[in-house]
């Protein structure tokens, strides 16, 4: 990508990089879920393929090879989900980096 720095300065253009969309899953995912539940965000149009849990490796391979844009792993019905509080010491090992207040 080429950038004409003079044009950028003249037009007051800001260039900003972002890794993975600069997403913070701990704050962004609850907001995304709320928007979807309110019908303000169409998640189905964002998914190109759905894989059953038994085919998770195929989903990973397809993503890595560029055969799909965004895949969803479908959990078997009846799967129980556990909400994890990341701010408790007993869950500290599940999180990495600066987001974890219990890791030095």
N, C-alpha and C. Protein backbone atom coordinates (compact mmCIF):
# COMPACT_ATOMS: atom_id res chain seq x y z
N UNK A 1 0.84 -1.16 0.00
CA UNK A 1 0.00 0.00 0.00
C UNK A 1 0.89 1.23 0.00
N UNK A 2 0.61 2.15 -0.87
CA UNK A 2 1.36 3.40 -0.93
C UNK A 2 0.55 4.51 -0.30
N UNK A 3 1.24 5.39 0.40
CA UNK A 3 0.58 6.51 1.04
C UNK A 3 1.34 7.78 0.68
N UNK A 4 0.65 8.72 0.11
CA UNK A 4 1.23 10.03 -0.20
C UNK A 4 1.18 10.85 1.08
N UNK A 5 2.30 10.96 1.76
CA UNK A 5 2.33 11.62 3.05
C UNK A 5 1.92 13.08 2.97
N UNK A 6 2.29 13.77 1.89
CA UNK A 6 1.90 15.17 1.74
C UNK A 6 0.38 15.31 1.64
N UNK A 7 -0.25 14.43 0.84
CA UNK A 7 -1.70 14.45 0.71
C UNK A 7 -2.36 14.12 2.05
N UNK A 8 -1.80 13.14 2.76
CA UNK A 8 -2.35 12.75 4.06
C UNK A 8 -2.29 13.92 5.04
N UNK A 9 -1.18 14.63 5.06
CA UNK A 9 -1.05 15.78 5.97
C UNK A 9 -2.01 16.89 5.57
N UNK A 10 -2.10 17.18 4.28
CA UNK A 10 -2.96 18.25 3.78
C UNK A 10 -4.43 17.98 4.12
N UNK A 11 -4.82 16.73 3.97
CA UNK A 11 -6.23 16.35 4.19
C UNK A 11 -6.50 15.91 5.62
N UNK A 12 -5.49 15.97 6.50
CA UNK A 12 -5.63 15.58 7.92
C UNK A 12 -6.08 14.13 8.06
N UNK A 13 -5.47 13.26 7.27
CA UNK A 13 -5.81 11.84 7.30
C UNK A 13 -5.01 11.17 8.42
N UNK A 14 -5.69 10.35 9.18
CA UNK A 14 -5.05 9.58 10.24
C UNK A 14 -4.96 8.13 9.79
N UNK A 15 -3.79 7.54 9.93
CA UNK A 15 -3.59 6.13 9.62
C UNK A 15 -3.42 5.41 10.94
N UNK A 16 -4.24 4.38 11.14
CA UNK A 16 -4.21 3.66 12.40
C UNK A 16 -4.19 2.17 12.13
N UNK A 17 -3.29 1.46 12.76
CA UNK A 17 -3.22 0.01 12.62
C UNK A 17 -4.05 -0.66 13.70
N UNK A 18 -4.50 -1.87 13.40
CA UNK A 18 -5.29 -2.62 14.37
C UNK A 18 -5.07 -4.11 14.14
N UNK A 19 -4.77 -4.82 15.19
CA UNK A 19 -4.61 -6.27 15.12
C UNK A 19 -5.94 -6.91 15.48
N UNK A 20 -6.46 -7.76 14.62
CA UNK A 20 -7.74 -8.43 14.84
C UNK A 20 -8.87 -7.44 15.10
N UNK A 21 -8.84 -6.33 14.41
CA UNK A 21 -9.89 -5.33 14.58
C UNK A 21 -9.81 -4.60 15.90
N UNK A 22 -8.69 -4.75 16.61
CA UNK A 22 -8.50 -4.11 17.91
C UNK A 22 -9.63 -4.47 18.88
N UNK A 23 -10.07 -5.69 18.82
CA UNK A 23 -11.17 -6.17 19.64
C UNK A 23 -10.70 -6.52 21.04
N UNK A 24 -11.45 -6.10 22.03
CA UNK A 24 -11.25 -6.56 23.41
C UNK A 24 -12.45 -7.46 23.71
N UNK A 25 -12.26 -8.77 23.66
CA UNK A 25 -13.41 -9.67 23.79
C UNK A 25 -14.17 -9.53 25.10
N UNK A 26 -13.50 -9.09 26.16
CA UNK A 26 -14.18 -8.98 27.46
C UNK A 26 -15.20 -7.85 27.48
N UNK A 27 -14.98 -6.82 26.68
CA UNK A 27 -15.95 -5.73 26.62
C UNK A 27 -16.76 -5.77 25.34
N UNK A 28 -16.15 -6.17 24.24
CA UNK A 28 -16.83 -6.12 22.95
C UNK A 28 -17.84 -7.24 22.73
N UNK A 29 -17.53 -8.44 23.17
CA UNK A 29 -18.45 -9.57 22.94
C UNK A 29 -19.79 -9.35 23.64
N UNK A 30 -19.82 -8.92 24.91
CA UNK A 30 -21.14 -8.66 25.51
C UNK A 30 -21.93 -7.59 24.75
N UNK A 31 -21.24 -6.56 24.25
CA UNK A 31 -21.92 -5.53 23.46
C UNK A 31 -22.47 -6.10 22.16
N UNK A 32 -21.69 -6.96 21.51
CA UNK A 32 -22.12 -7.58 20.25
C UNK A 32 -23.33 -8.49 20.50
N UNK A 33 -23.30 -9.26 21.58
CA UNK A 33 -24.43 -10.14 21.92
C UNK A 33 -25.68 -9.30 22.15
N UNK A 34 -25.53 -8.20 22.88
CA UNK A 34 -26.68 -7.35 23.15
C UNK A 34 -27.26 -6.76 21.86
N UNK A 35 -26.41 -6.30 20.96
CA UNK A 35 -26.88 -5.76 19.68
C UNK A 35 -27.61 -6.84 18.87
N UNK A 36 -27.07 -8.06 18.88
CA UNK A 36 -27.70 -9.16 18.14
C UNK A 36 -29.06 -9.51 18.75
N UNK A 37 -29.13 -9.56 20.08
CA UNK A 37 -30.39 -9.88 20.74
C UNK A 37 -31.45 -8.80 20.47
N UNK A 38 -31.03 -7.56 20.31
CA UNK A 38 -31.95 -6.47 20.02
C UNK A 38 -32.34 -6.42 18.54
N UNK A 39 -31.72 -7.27 17.73
CA UNK A 39 -32.00 -7.28 16.30
C UNK A 39 -31.31 -6.16 15.54
N UNK A 40 -30.33 -5.52 16.18
CA UNK A 40 -29.63 -4.40 15.56
C UNK A 40 -28.36 -4.84 14.84
N UNK A 41 -28.02 -6.13 14.94
CA UNK A 41 -26.83 -6.66 14.28
C UNK A 41 -27.17 -8.01 13.67
N UNK A 42 -26.98 -8.15 12.38
CA UNK A 42 -27.28 -9.38 11.66
C UNK A 42 -26.04 -10.27 11.64
N UNK A 43 -25.97 -11.20 12.57
CA UNK A 43 -24.80 -12.09 12.66
C UNK A 43 -24.80 -13.15 11.57
N UNK A 44 -25.97 -13.61 11.15
CA UNK A 44 -26.04 -14.68 10.15
C UNK A 44 -25.38 -14.28 8.84
N UNK A 45 -25.48 -13.03 8.48
CA UNK A 45 -24.87 -12.60 7.22
C UNK A 45 -23.34 -12.54 7.32
N UNK A 46 -22.81 -12.62 8.52
CA UNK A 46 -21.37 -12.55 8.73
C UNK A 46 -20.70 -13.93 8.68
N UNK A 47 -21.49 -14.98 8.67
CA UNK A 47 -20.97 -16.35 8.74
C UNK A 47 -21.03 -16.99 7.37
N UNK A 48 -19.87 -17.49 6.90
CA UNK A 48 -19.86 -18.13 5.59
C UNK A 48 -20.06 -19.65 5.69
N UNK A 49 -19.69 -20.26 6.82
CA UNK A 49 -19.82 -21.71 6.98
C UNK A 49 -20.10 -22.05 8.44
N UNK A 50 -20.86 -23.12 8.65
CA UNK A 50 -21.12 -23.64 9.99
C UNK A 50 -20.63 -25.09 10.02
N UNK A 51 -19.83 -25.41 11.03
CA UNK A 51 -19.29 -26.76 11.19
C UNK A 51 -19.77 -27.33 12.52
N UNK A 52 -20.09 -28.64 12.55
CA UNK A 52 -20.39 -29.26 13.84
C UNK A 52 -19.10 -29.38 14.65
N UNK A 53 -19.22 -29.46 15.96
CA UNK A 53 -18.05 -29.56 16.83
C UNK A 53 -17.14 -30.71 16.42
N UNK A 54 -17.72 -31.79 15.94
CA UNK A 54 -16.92 -32.96 15.55
C UNK A 54 -16.00 -32.66 14.36
N UNK A 55 -16.27 -31.58 13.63
CA UNK A 55 -15.45 -31.21 12.47
C UNK A 55 -14.64 -29.93 12.72
N UNK A 56 -14.29 -29.68 13.99
CA UNK A 56 -13.59 -28.43 14.31
C UNK A 56 -12.26 -28.32 13.57
N UNK A 57 -11.55 -29.44 13.40
CA UNK A 57 -10.26 -29.37 12.72
C UNK A 57 -10.43 -28.99 11.25
N UNK A 58 -11.47 -29.49 10.62
CA UNK A 58 -11.78 -29.11 9.24
C UNK A 58 -12.06 -27.61 9.16
N UNK A 59 -12.77 -27.08 10.15
CA UNK A 59 -13.06 -25.64 10.18
C UNK A 59 -11.77 -24.83 10.30
N UNK A 60 -10.88 -25.24 11.17
CA UNK A 60 -9.60 -24.54 11.35
C UNK A 60 -8.78 -24.61 10.06
N UNK A 61 -8.71 -25.79 9.47
CA UNK A 61 -7.96 -25.95 8.22
C UNK A 61 -8.55 -25.08 7.11
N UNK A 62 -9.87 -25.06 7.00
CA UNK A 62 -10.53 -24.26 5.96
C UNK A 62 -10.23 -22.77 6.14
N UNK A 63 -10.23 -22.30 7.38
CA UNK A 63 -9.90 -20.90 7.65
C UNK A 63 -8.46 -20.60 7.27
N UNK A 64 -7.56 -21.47 7.70
CA UNK A 64 -6.13 -21.26 7.40
C UNK A 64 -5.84 -21.28 5.91
N UNK A 65 -6.58 -22.09 5.17
CA UNK A 65 -6.37 -22.21 3.73
C UNK A 65 -7.16 -21.18 2.93
N UNK A 66 -7.96 -20.37 3.62
CA UNK A 66 -8.72 -19.34 2.93
C UNK A 66 -9.94 -19.85 2.19
N UNK A 67 -10.40 -21.06 2.52
CA UNK A 67 -11.58 -21.61 1.84
C UNK A 67 -12.88 -21.06 2.41
N UNK A 68 -12.84 -20.49 3.59
CA UNK A 68 -14.01 -19.87 4.21
C UNK A 68 -13.59 -18.51 4.77
N UNK A 69 -14.56 -17.62 4.91
CA UNK A 69 -14.27 -16.30 5.46
C UNK A 69 -14.44 -16.26 6.97
N UNK A 70 -15.57 -16.75 7.42
CA UNK A 70 -15.83 -16.78 8.86
C UNK A 70 -16.63 -18.03 9.15
N UNK A 71 -16.11 -18.85 10.04
CA UNK A 71 -16.76 -20.12 10.37
C UNK A 71 -17.27 -20.09 11.80
N UNK A 72 -18.34 -20.83 12.03
CA UNK A 72 -18.91 -20.99 13.35
C UNK A 72 -18.87 -22.48 13.68
N UNK A 73 -18.46 -22.79 14.90
CA UNK A 73 -18.49 -24.17 15.39
C UNK A 73 -19.79 -24.33 16.16
N UNK A 74 -20.63 -25.25 15.70
CA UNK A 74 -21.94 -25.47 16.32
C UNK A 74 -21.80 -26.50 17.43
N UNK A 75 -22.19 -26.10 18.62
CA UNK A 75 -22.12 -26.99 19.78
C UNK A 75 -23.33 -27.91 19.77
N UNK A 76 -23.16 -29.14 20.27
CA UNK A 76 -24.30 -30.06 20.34
C UNK A 76 -25.40 -29.47 21.24
N UNK A 77 -26.66 -29.77 20.92
CA UNK A 77 -27.74 -29.25 21.76
C UNK A 77 -27.59 -29.82 23.16
N UNK A 78 -27.96 -29.03 24.13
CA UNK A 78 -27.83 -29.44 25.52
C UNK A 78 -26.49 -29.12 26.14
N UNK A 79 -25.58 -28.54 25.35
CA UNK A 79 -24.27 -28.17 25.90
C UNK A 79 -24.44 -27.08 26.94
N UNK A 80 -23.83 -27.28 28.10
CA UNK A 80 -23.91 -26.29 29.18
C UNK A 80 -22.72 -25.36 29.06
N UNK A 81 -22.97 -24.07 29.22
CA UNK A 81 -21.93 -23.07 29.17
C UNK A 81 -21.72 -22.50 30.56
N UNK A 82 -20.49 -22.27 30.90
CA UNK A 82 -20.16 -21.72 32.20
C UNK A 82 -19.61 -20.32 32.01
N UNK A 83 -20.22 -19.36 32.69
CA UNK A 83 -19.71 -17.99 32.64
C UNK A 83 -18.49 -17.91 33.55
N UNK A 84 -17.40 -17.39 33.02
CA UNK A 84 -16.16 -17.29 33.79
C UNK A 84 -15.90 -15.84 34.13
N UNK A 85 -15.64 -15.60 35.40
CA UNK A 85 -15.25 -14.26 35.84
C UNK A 85 -13.74 -14.18 35.77
N UNK A 86 -13.23 -13.41 34.82
CA UNK A 86 -11.78 -13.34 34.61
C UNK A 86 -11.06 -12.63 35.73
N UNK A 87 -11.78 -11.96 36.62
CA UNK A 87 -11.14 -11.17 37.67
C UNK A 87 -10.91 -11.95 38.96
N UNK A 88 -11.10 -13.26 38.92
CA UNK A 88 -10.86 -14.05 40.12
C UNK A 88 -9.58 -14.87 39.96
N UNK A 89 -8.82 -15.00 41.04
CA UNK A 89 -7.54 -15.71 40.95
C UNK A 89 -7.66 -17.15 40.45
N UNK A 90 -8.76 -17.83 40.76
CA UNK A 90 -8.90 -19.23 40.33
C UNK A 90 -9.03 -19.36 38.81
N UNK A 91 -9.39 -18.29 38.13
CA UNK A 91 -9.51 -18.32 36.67
C UNK A 91 -8.33 -17.66 35.97
N UNK A 92 -7.35 -17.22 36.73
CA UNK A 92 -6.24 -16.44 36.16
C UNK A 92 -5.47 -17.20 35.09
N UNK A 93 -5.34 -18.50 35.22
CA UNK A 93 -4.55 -19.26 34.25
C UNK A 93 -5.24 -19.36 32.89
N UNK A 94 -6.50 -19.00 32.79
CA UNK A 94 -7.22 -19.09 31.52
C UNK A 94 -7.01 -17.87 30.64
N UNK A 95 -6.34 -16.85 31.17
CA UNK A 95 -6.16 -15.61 30.43
C UNK A 95 -4.69 -15.27 30.38
N UNK A 96 -4.29 -14.59 29.36
CA UNK A 96 -2.88 -14.29 29.15
C UNK A 96 -2.69 -12.81 28.88
N UNK A 97 -1.47 -12.36 29.10
CA UNK A 97 -1.10 -10.99 28.73
C UNK A 97 -1.61 -9.95 29.70
N UNK A 98 -1.64 -8.71 29.25
CA UNK A 98 -1.96 -7.58 30.10
C UNK A 98 -3.41 -7.56 30.57
N UNK A 99 -4.29 -8.32 29.91
CA UNK A 99 -5.68 -8.36 30.30
C UNK A 99 -5.87 -9.08 31.63
N UNK A 100 -4.89 -9.86 32.05
CA UNK A 100 -5.02 -10.66 33.25
C UNK A 100 -4.42 -9.93 34.45
N UNK A 101 -5.23 -9.49 35.40
CA UNK A 101 -4.70 -8.75 36.54
C UNK A 101 -3.93 -9.61 37.52
N UNK A 102 -4.02 -10.95 37.41
CA UNK A 102 -3.37 -11.82 38.35
C UNK A 102 -2.05 -12.42 37.83
N UNK A 103 -1.68 -12.07 36.63
CA UNK A 103 -0.45 -12.61 36.04
C UNK A 103 0.62 -11.52 36.04
N UNK A 104 1.80 -11.89 36.52
CA UNK A 104 2.91 -10.91 36.56
C UNK A 104 3.61 -10.84 35.25
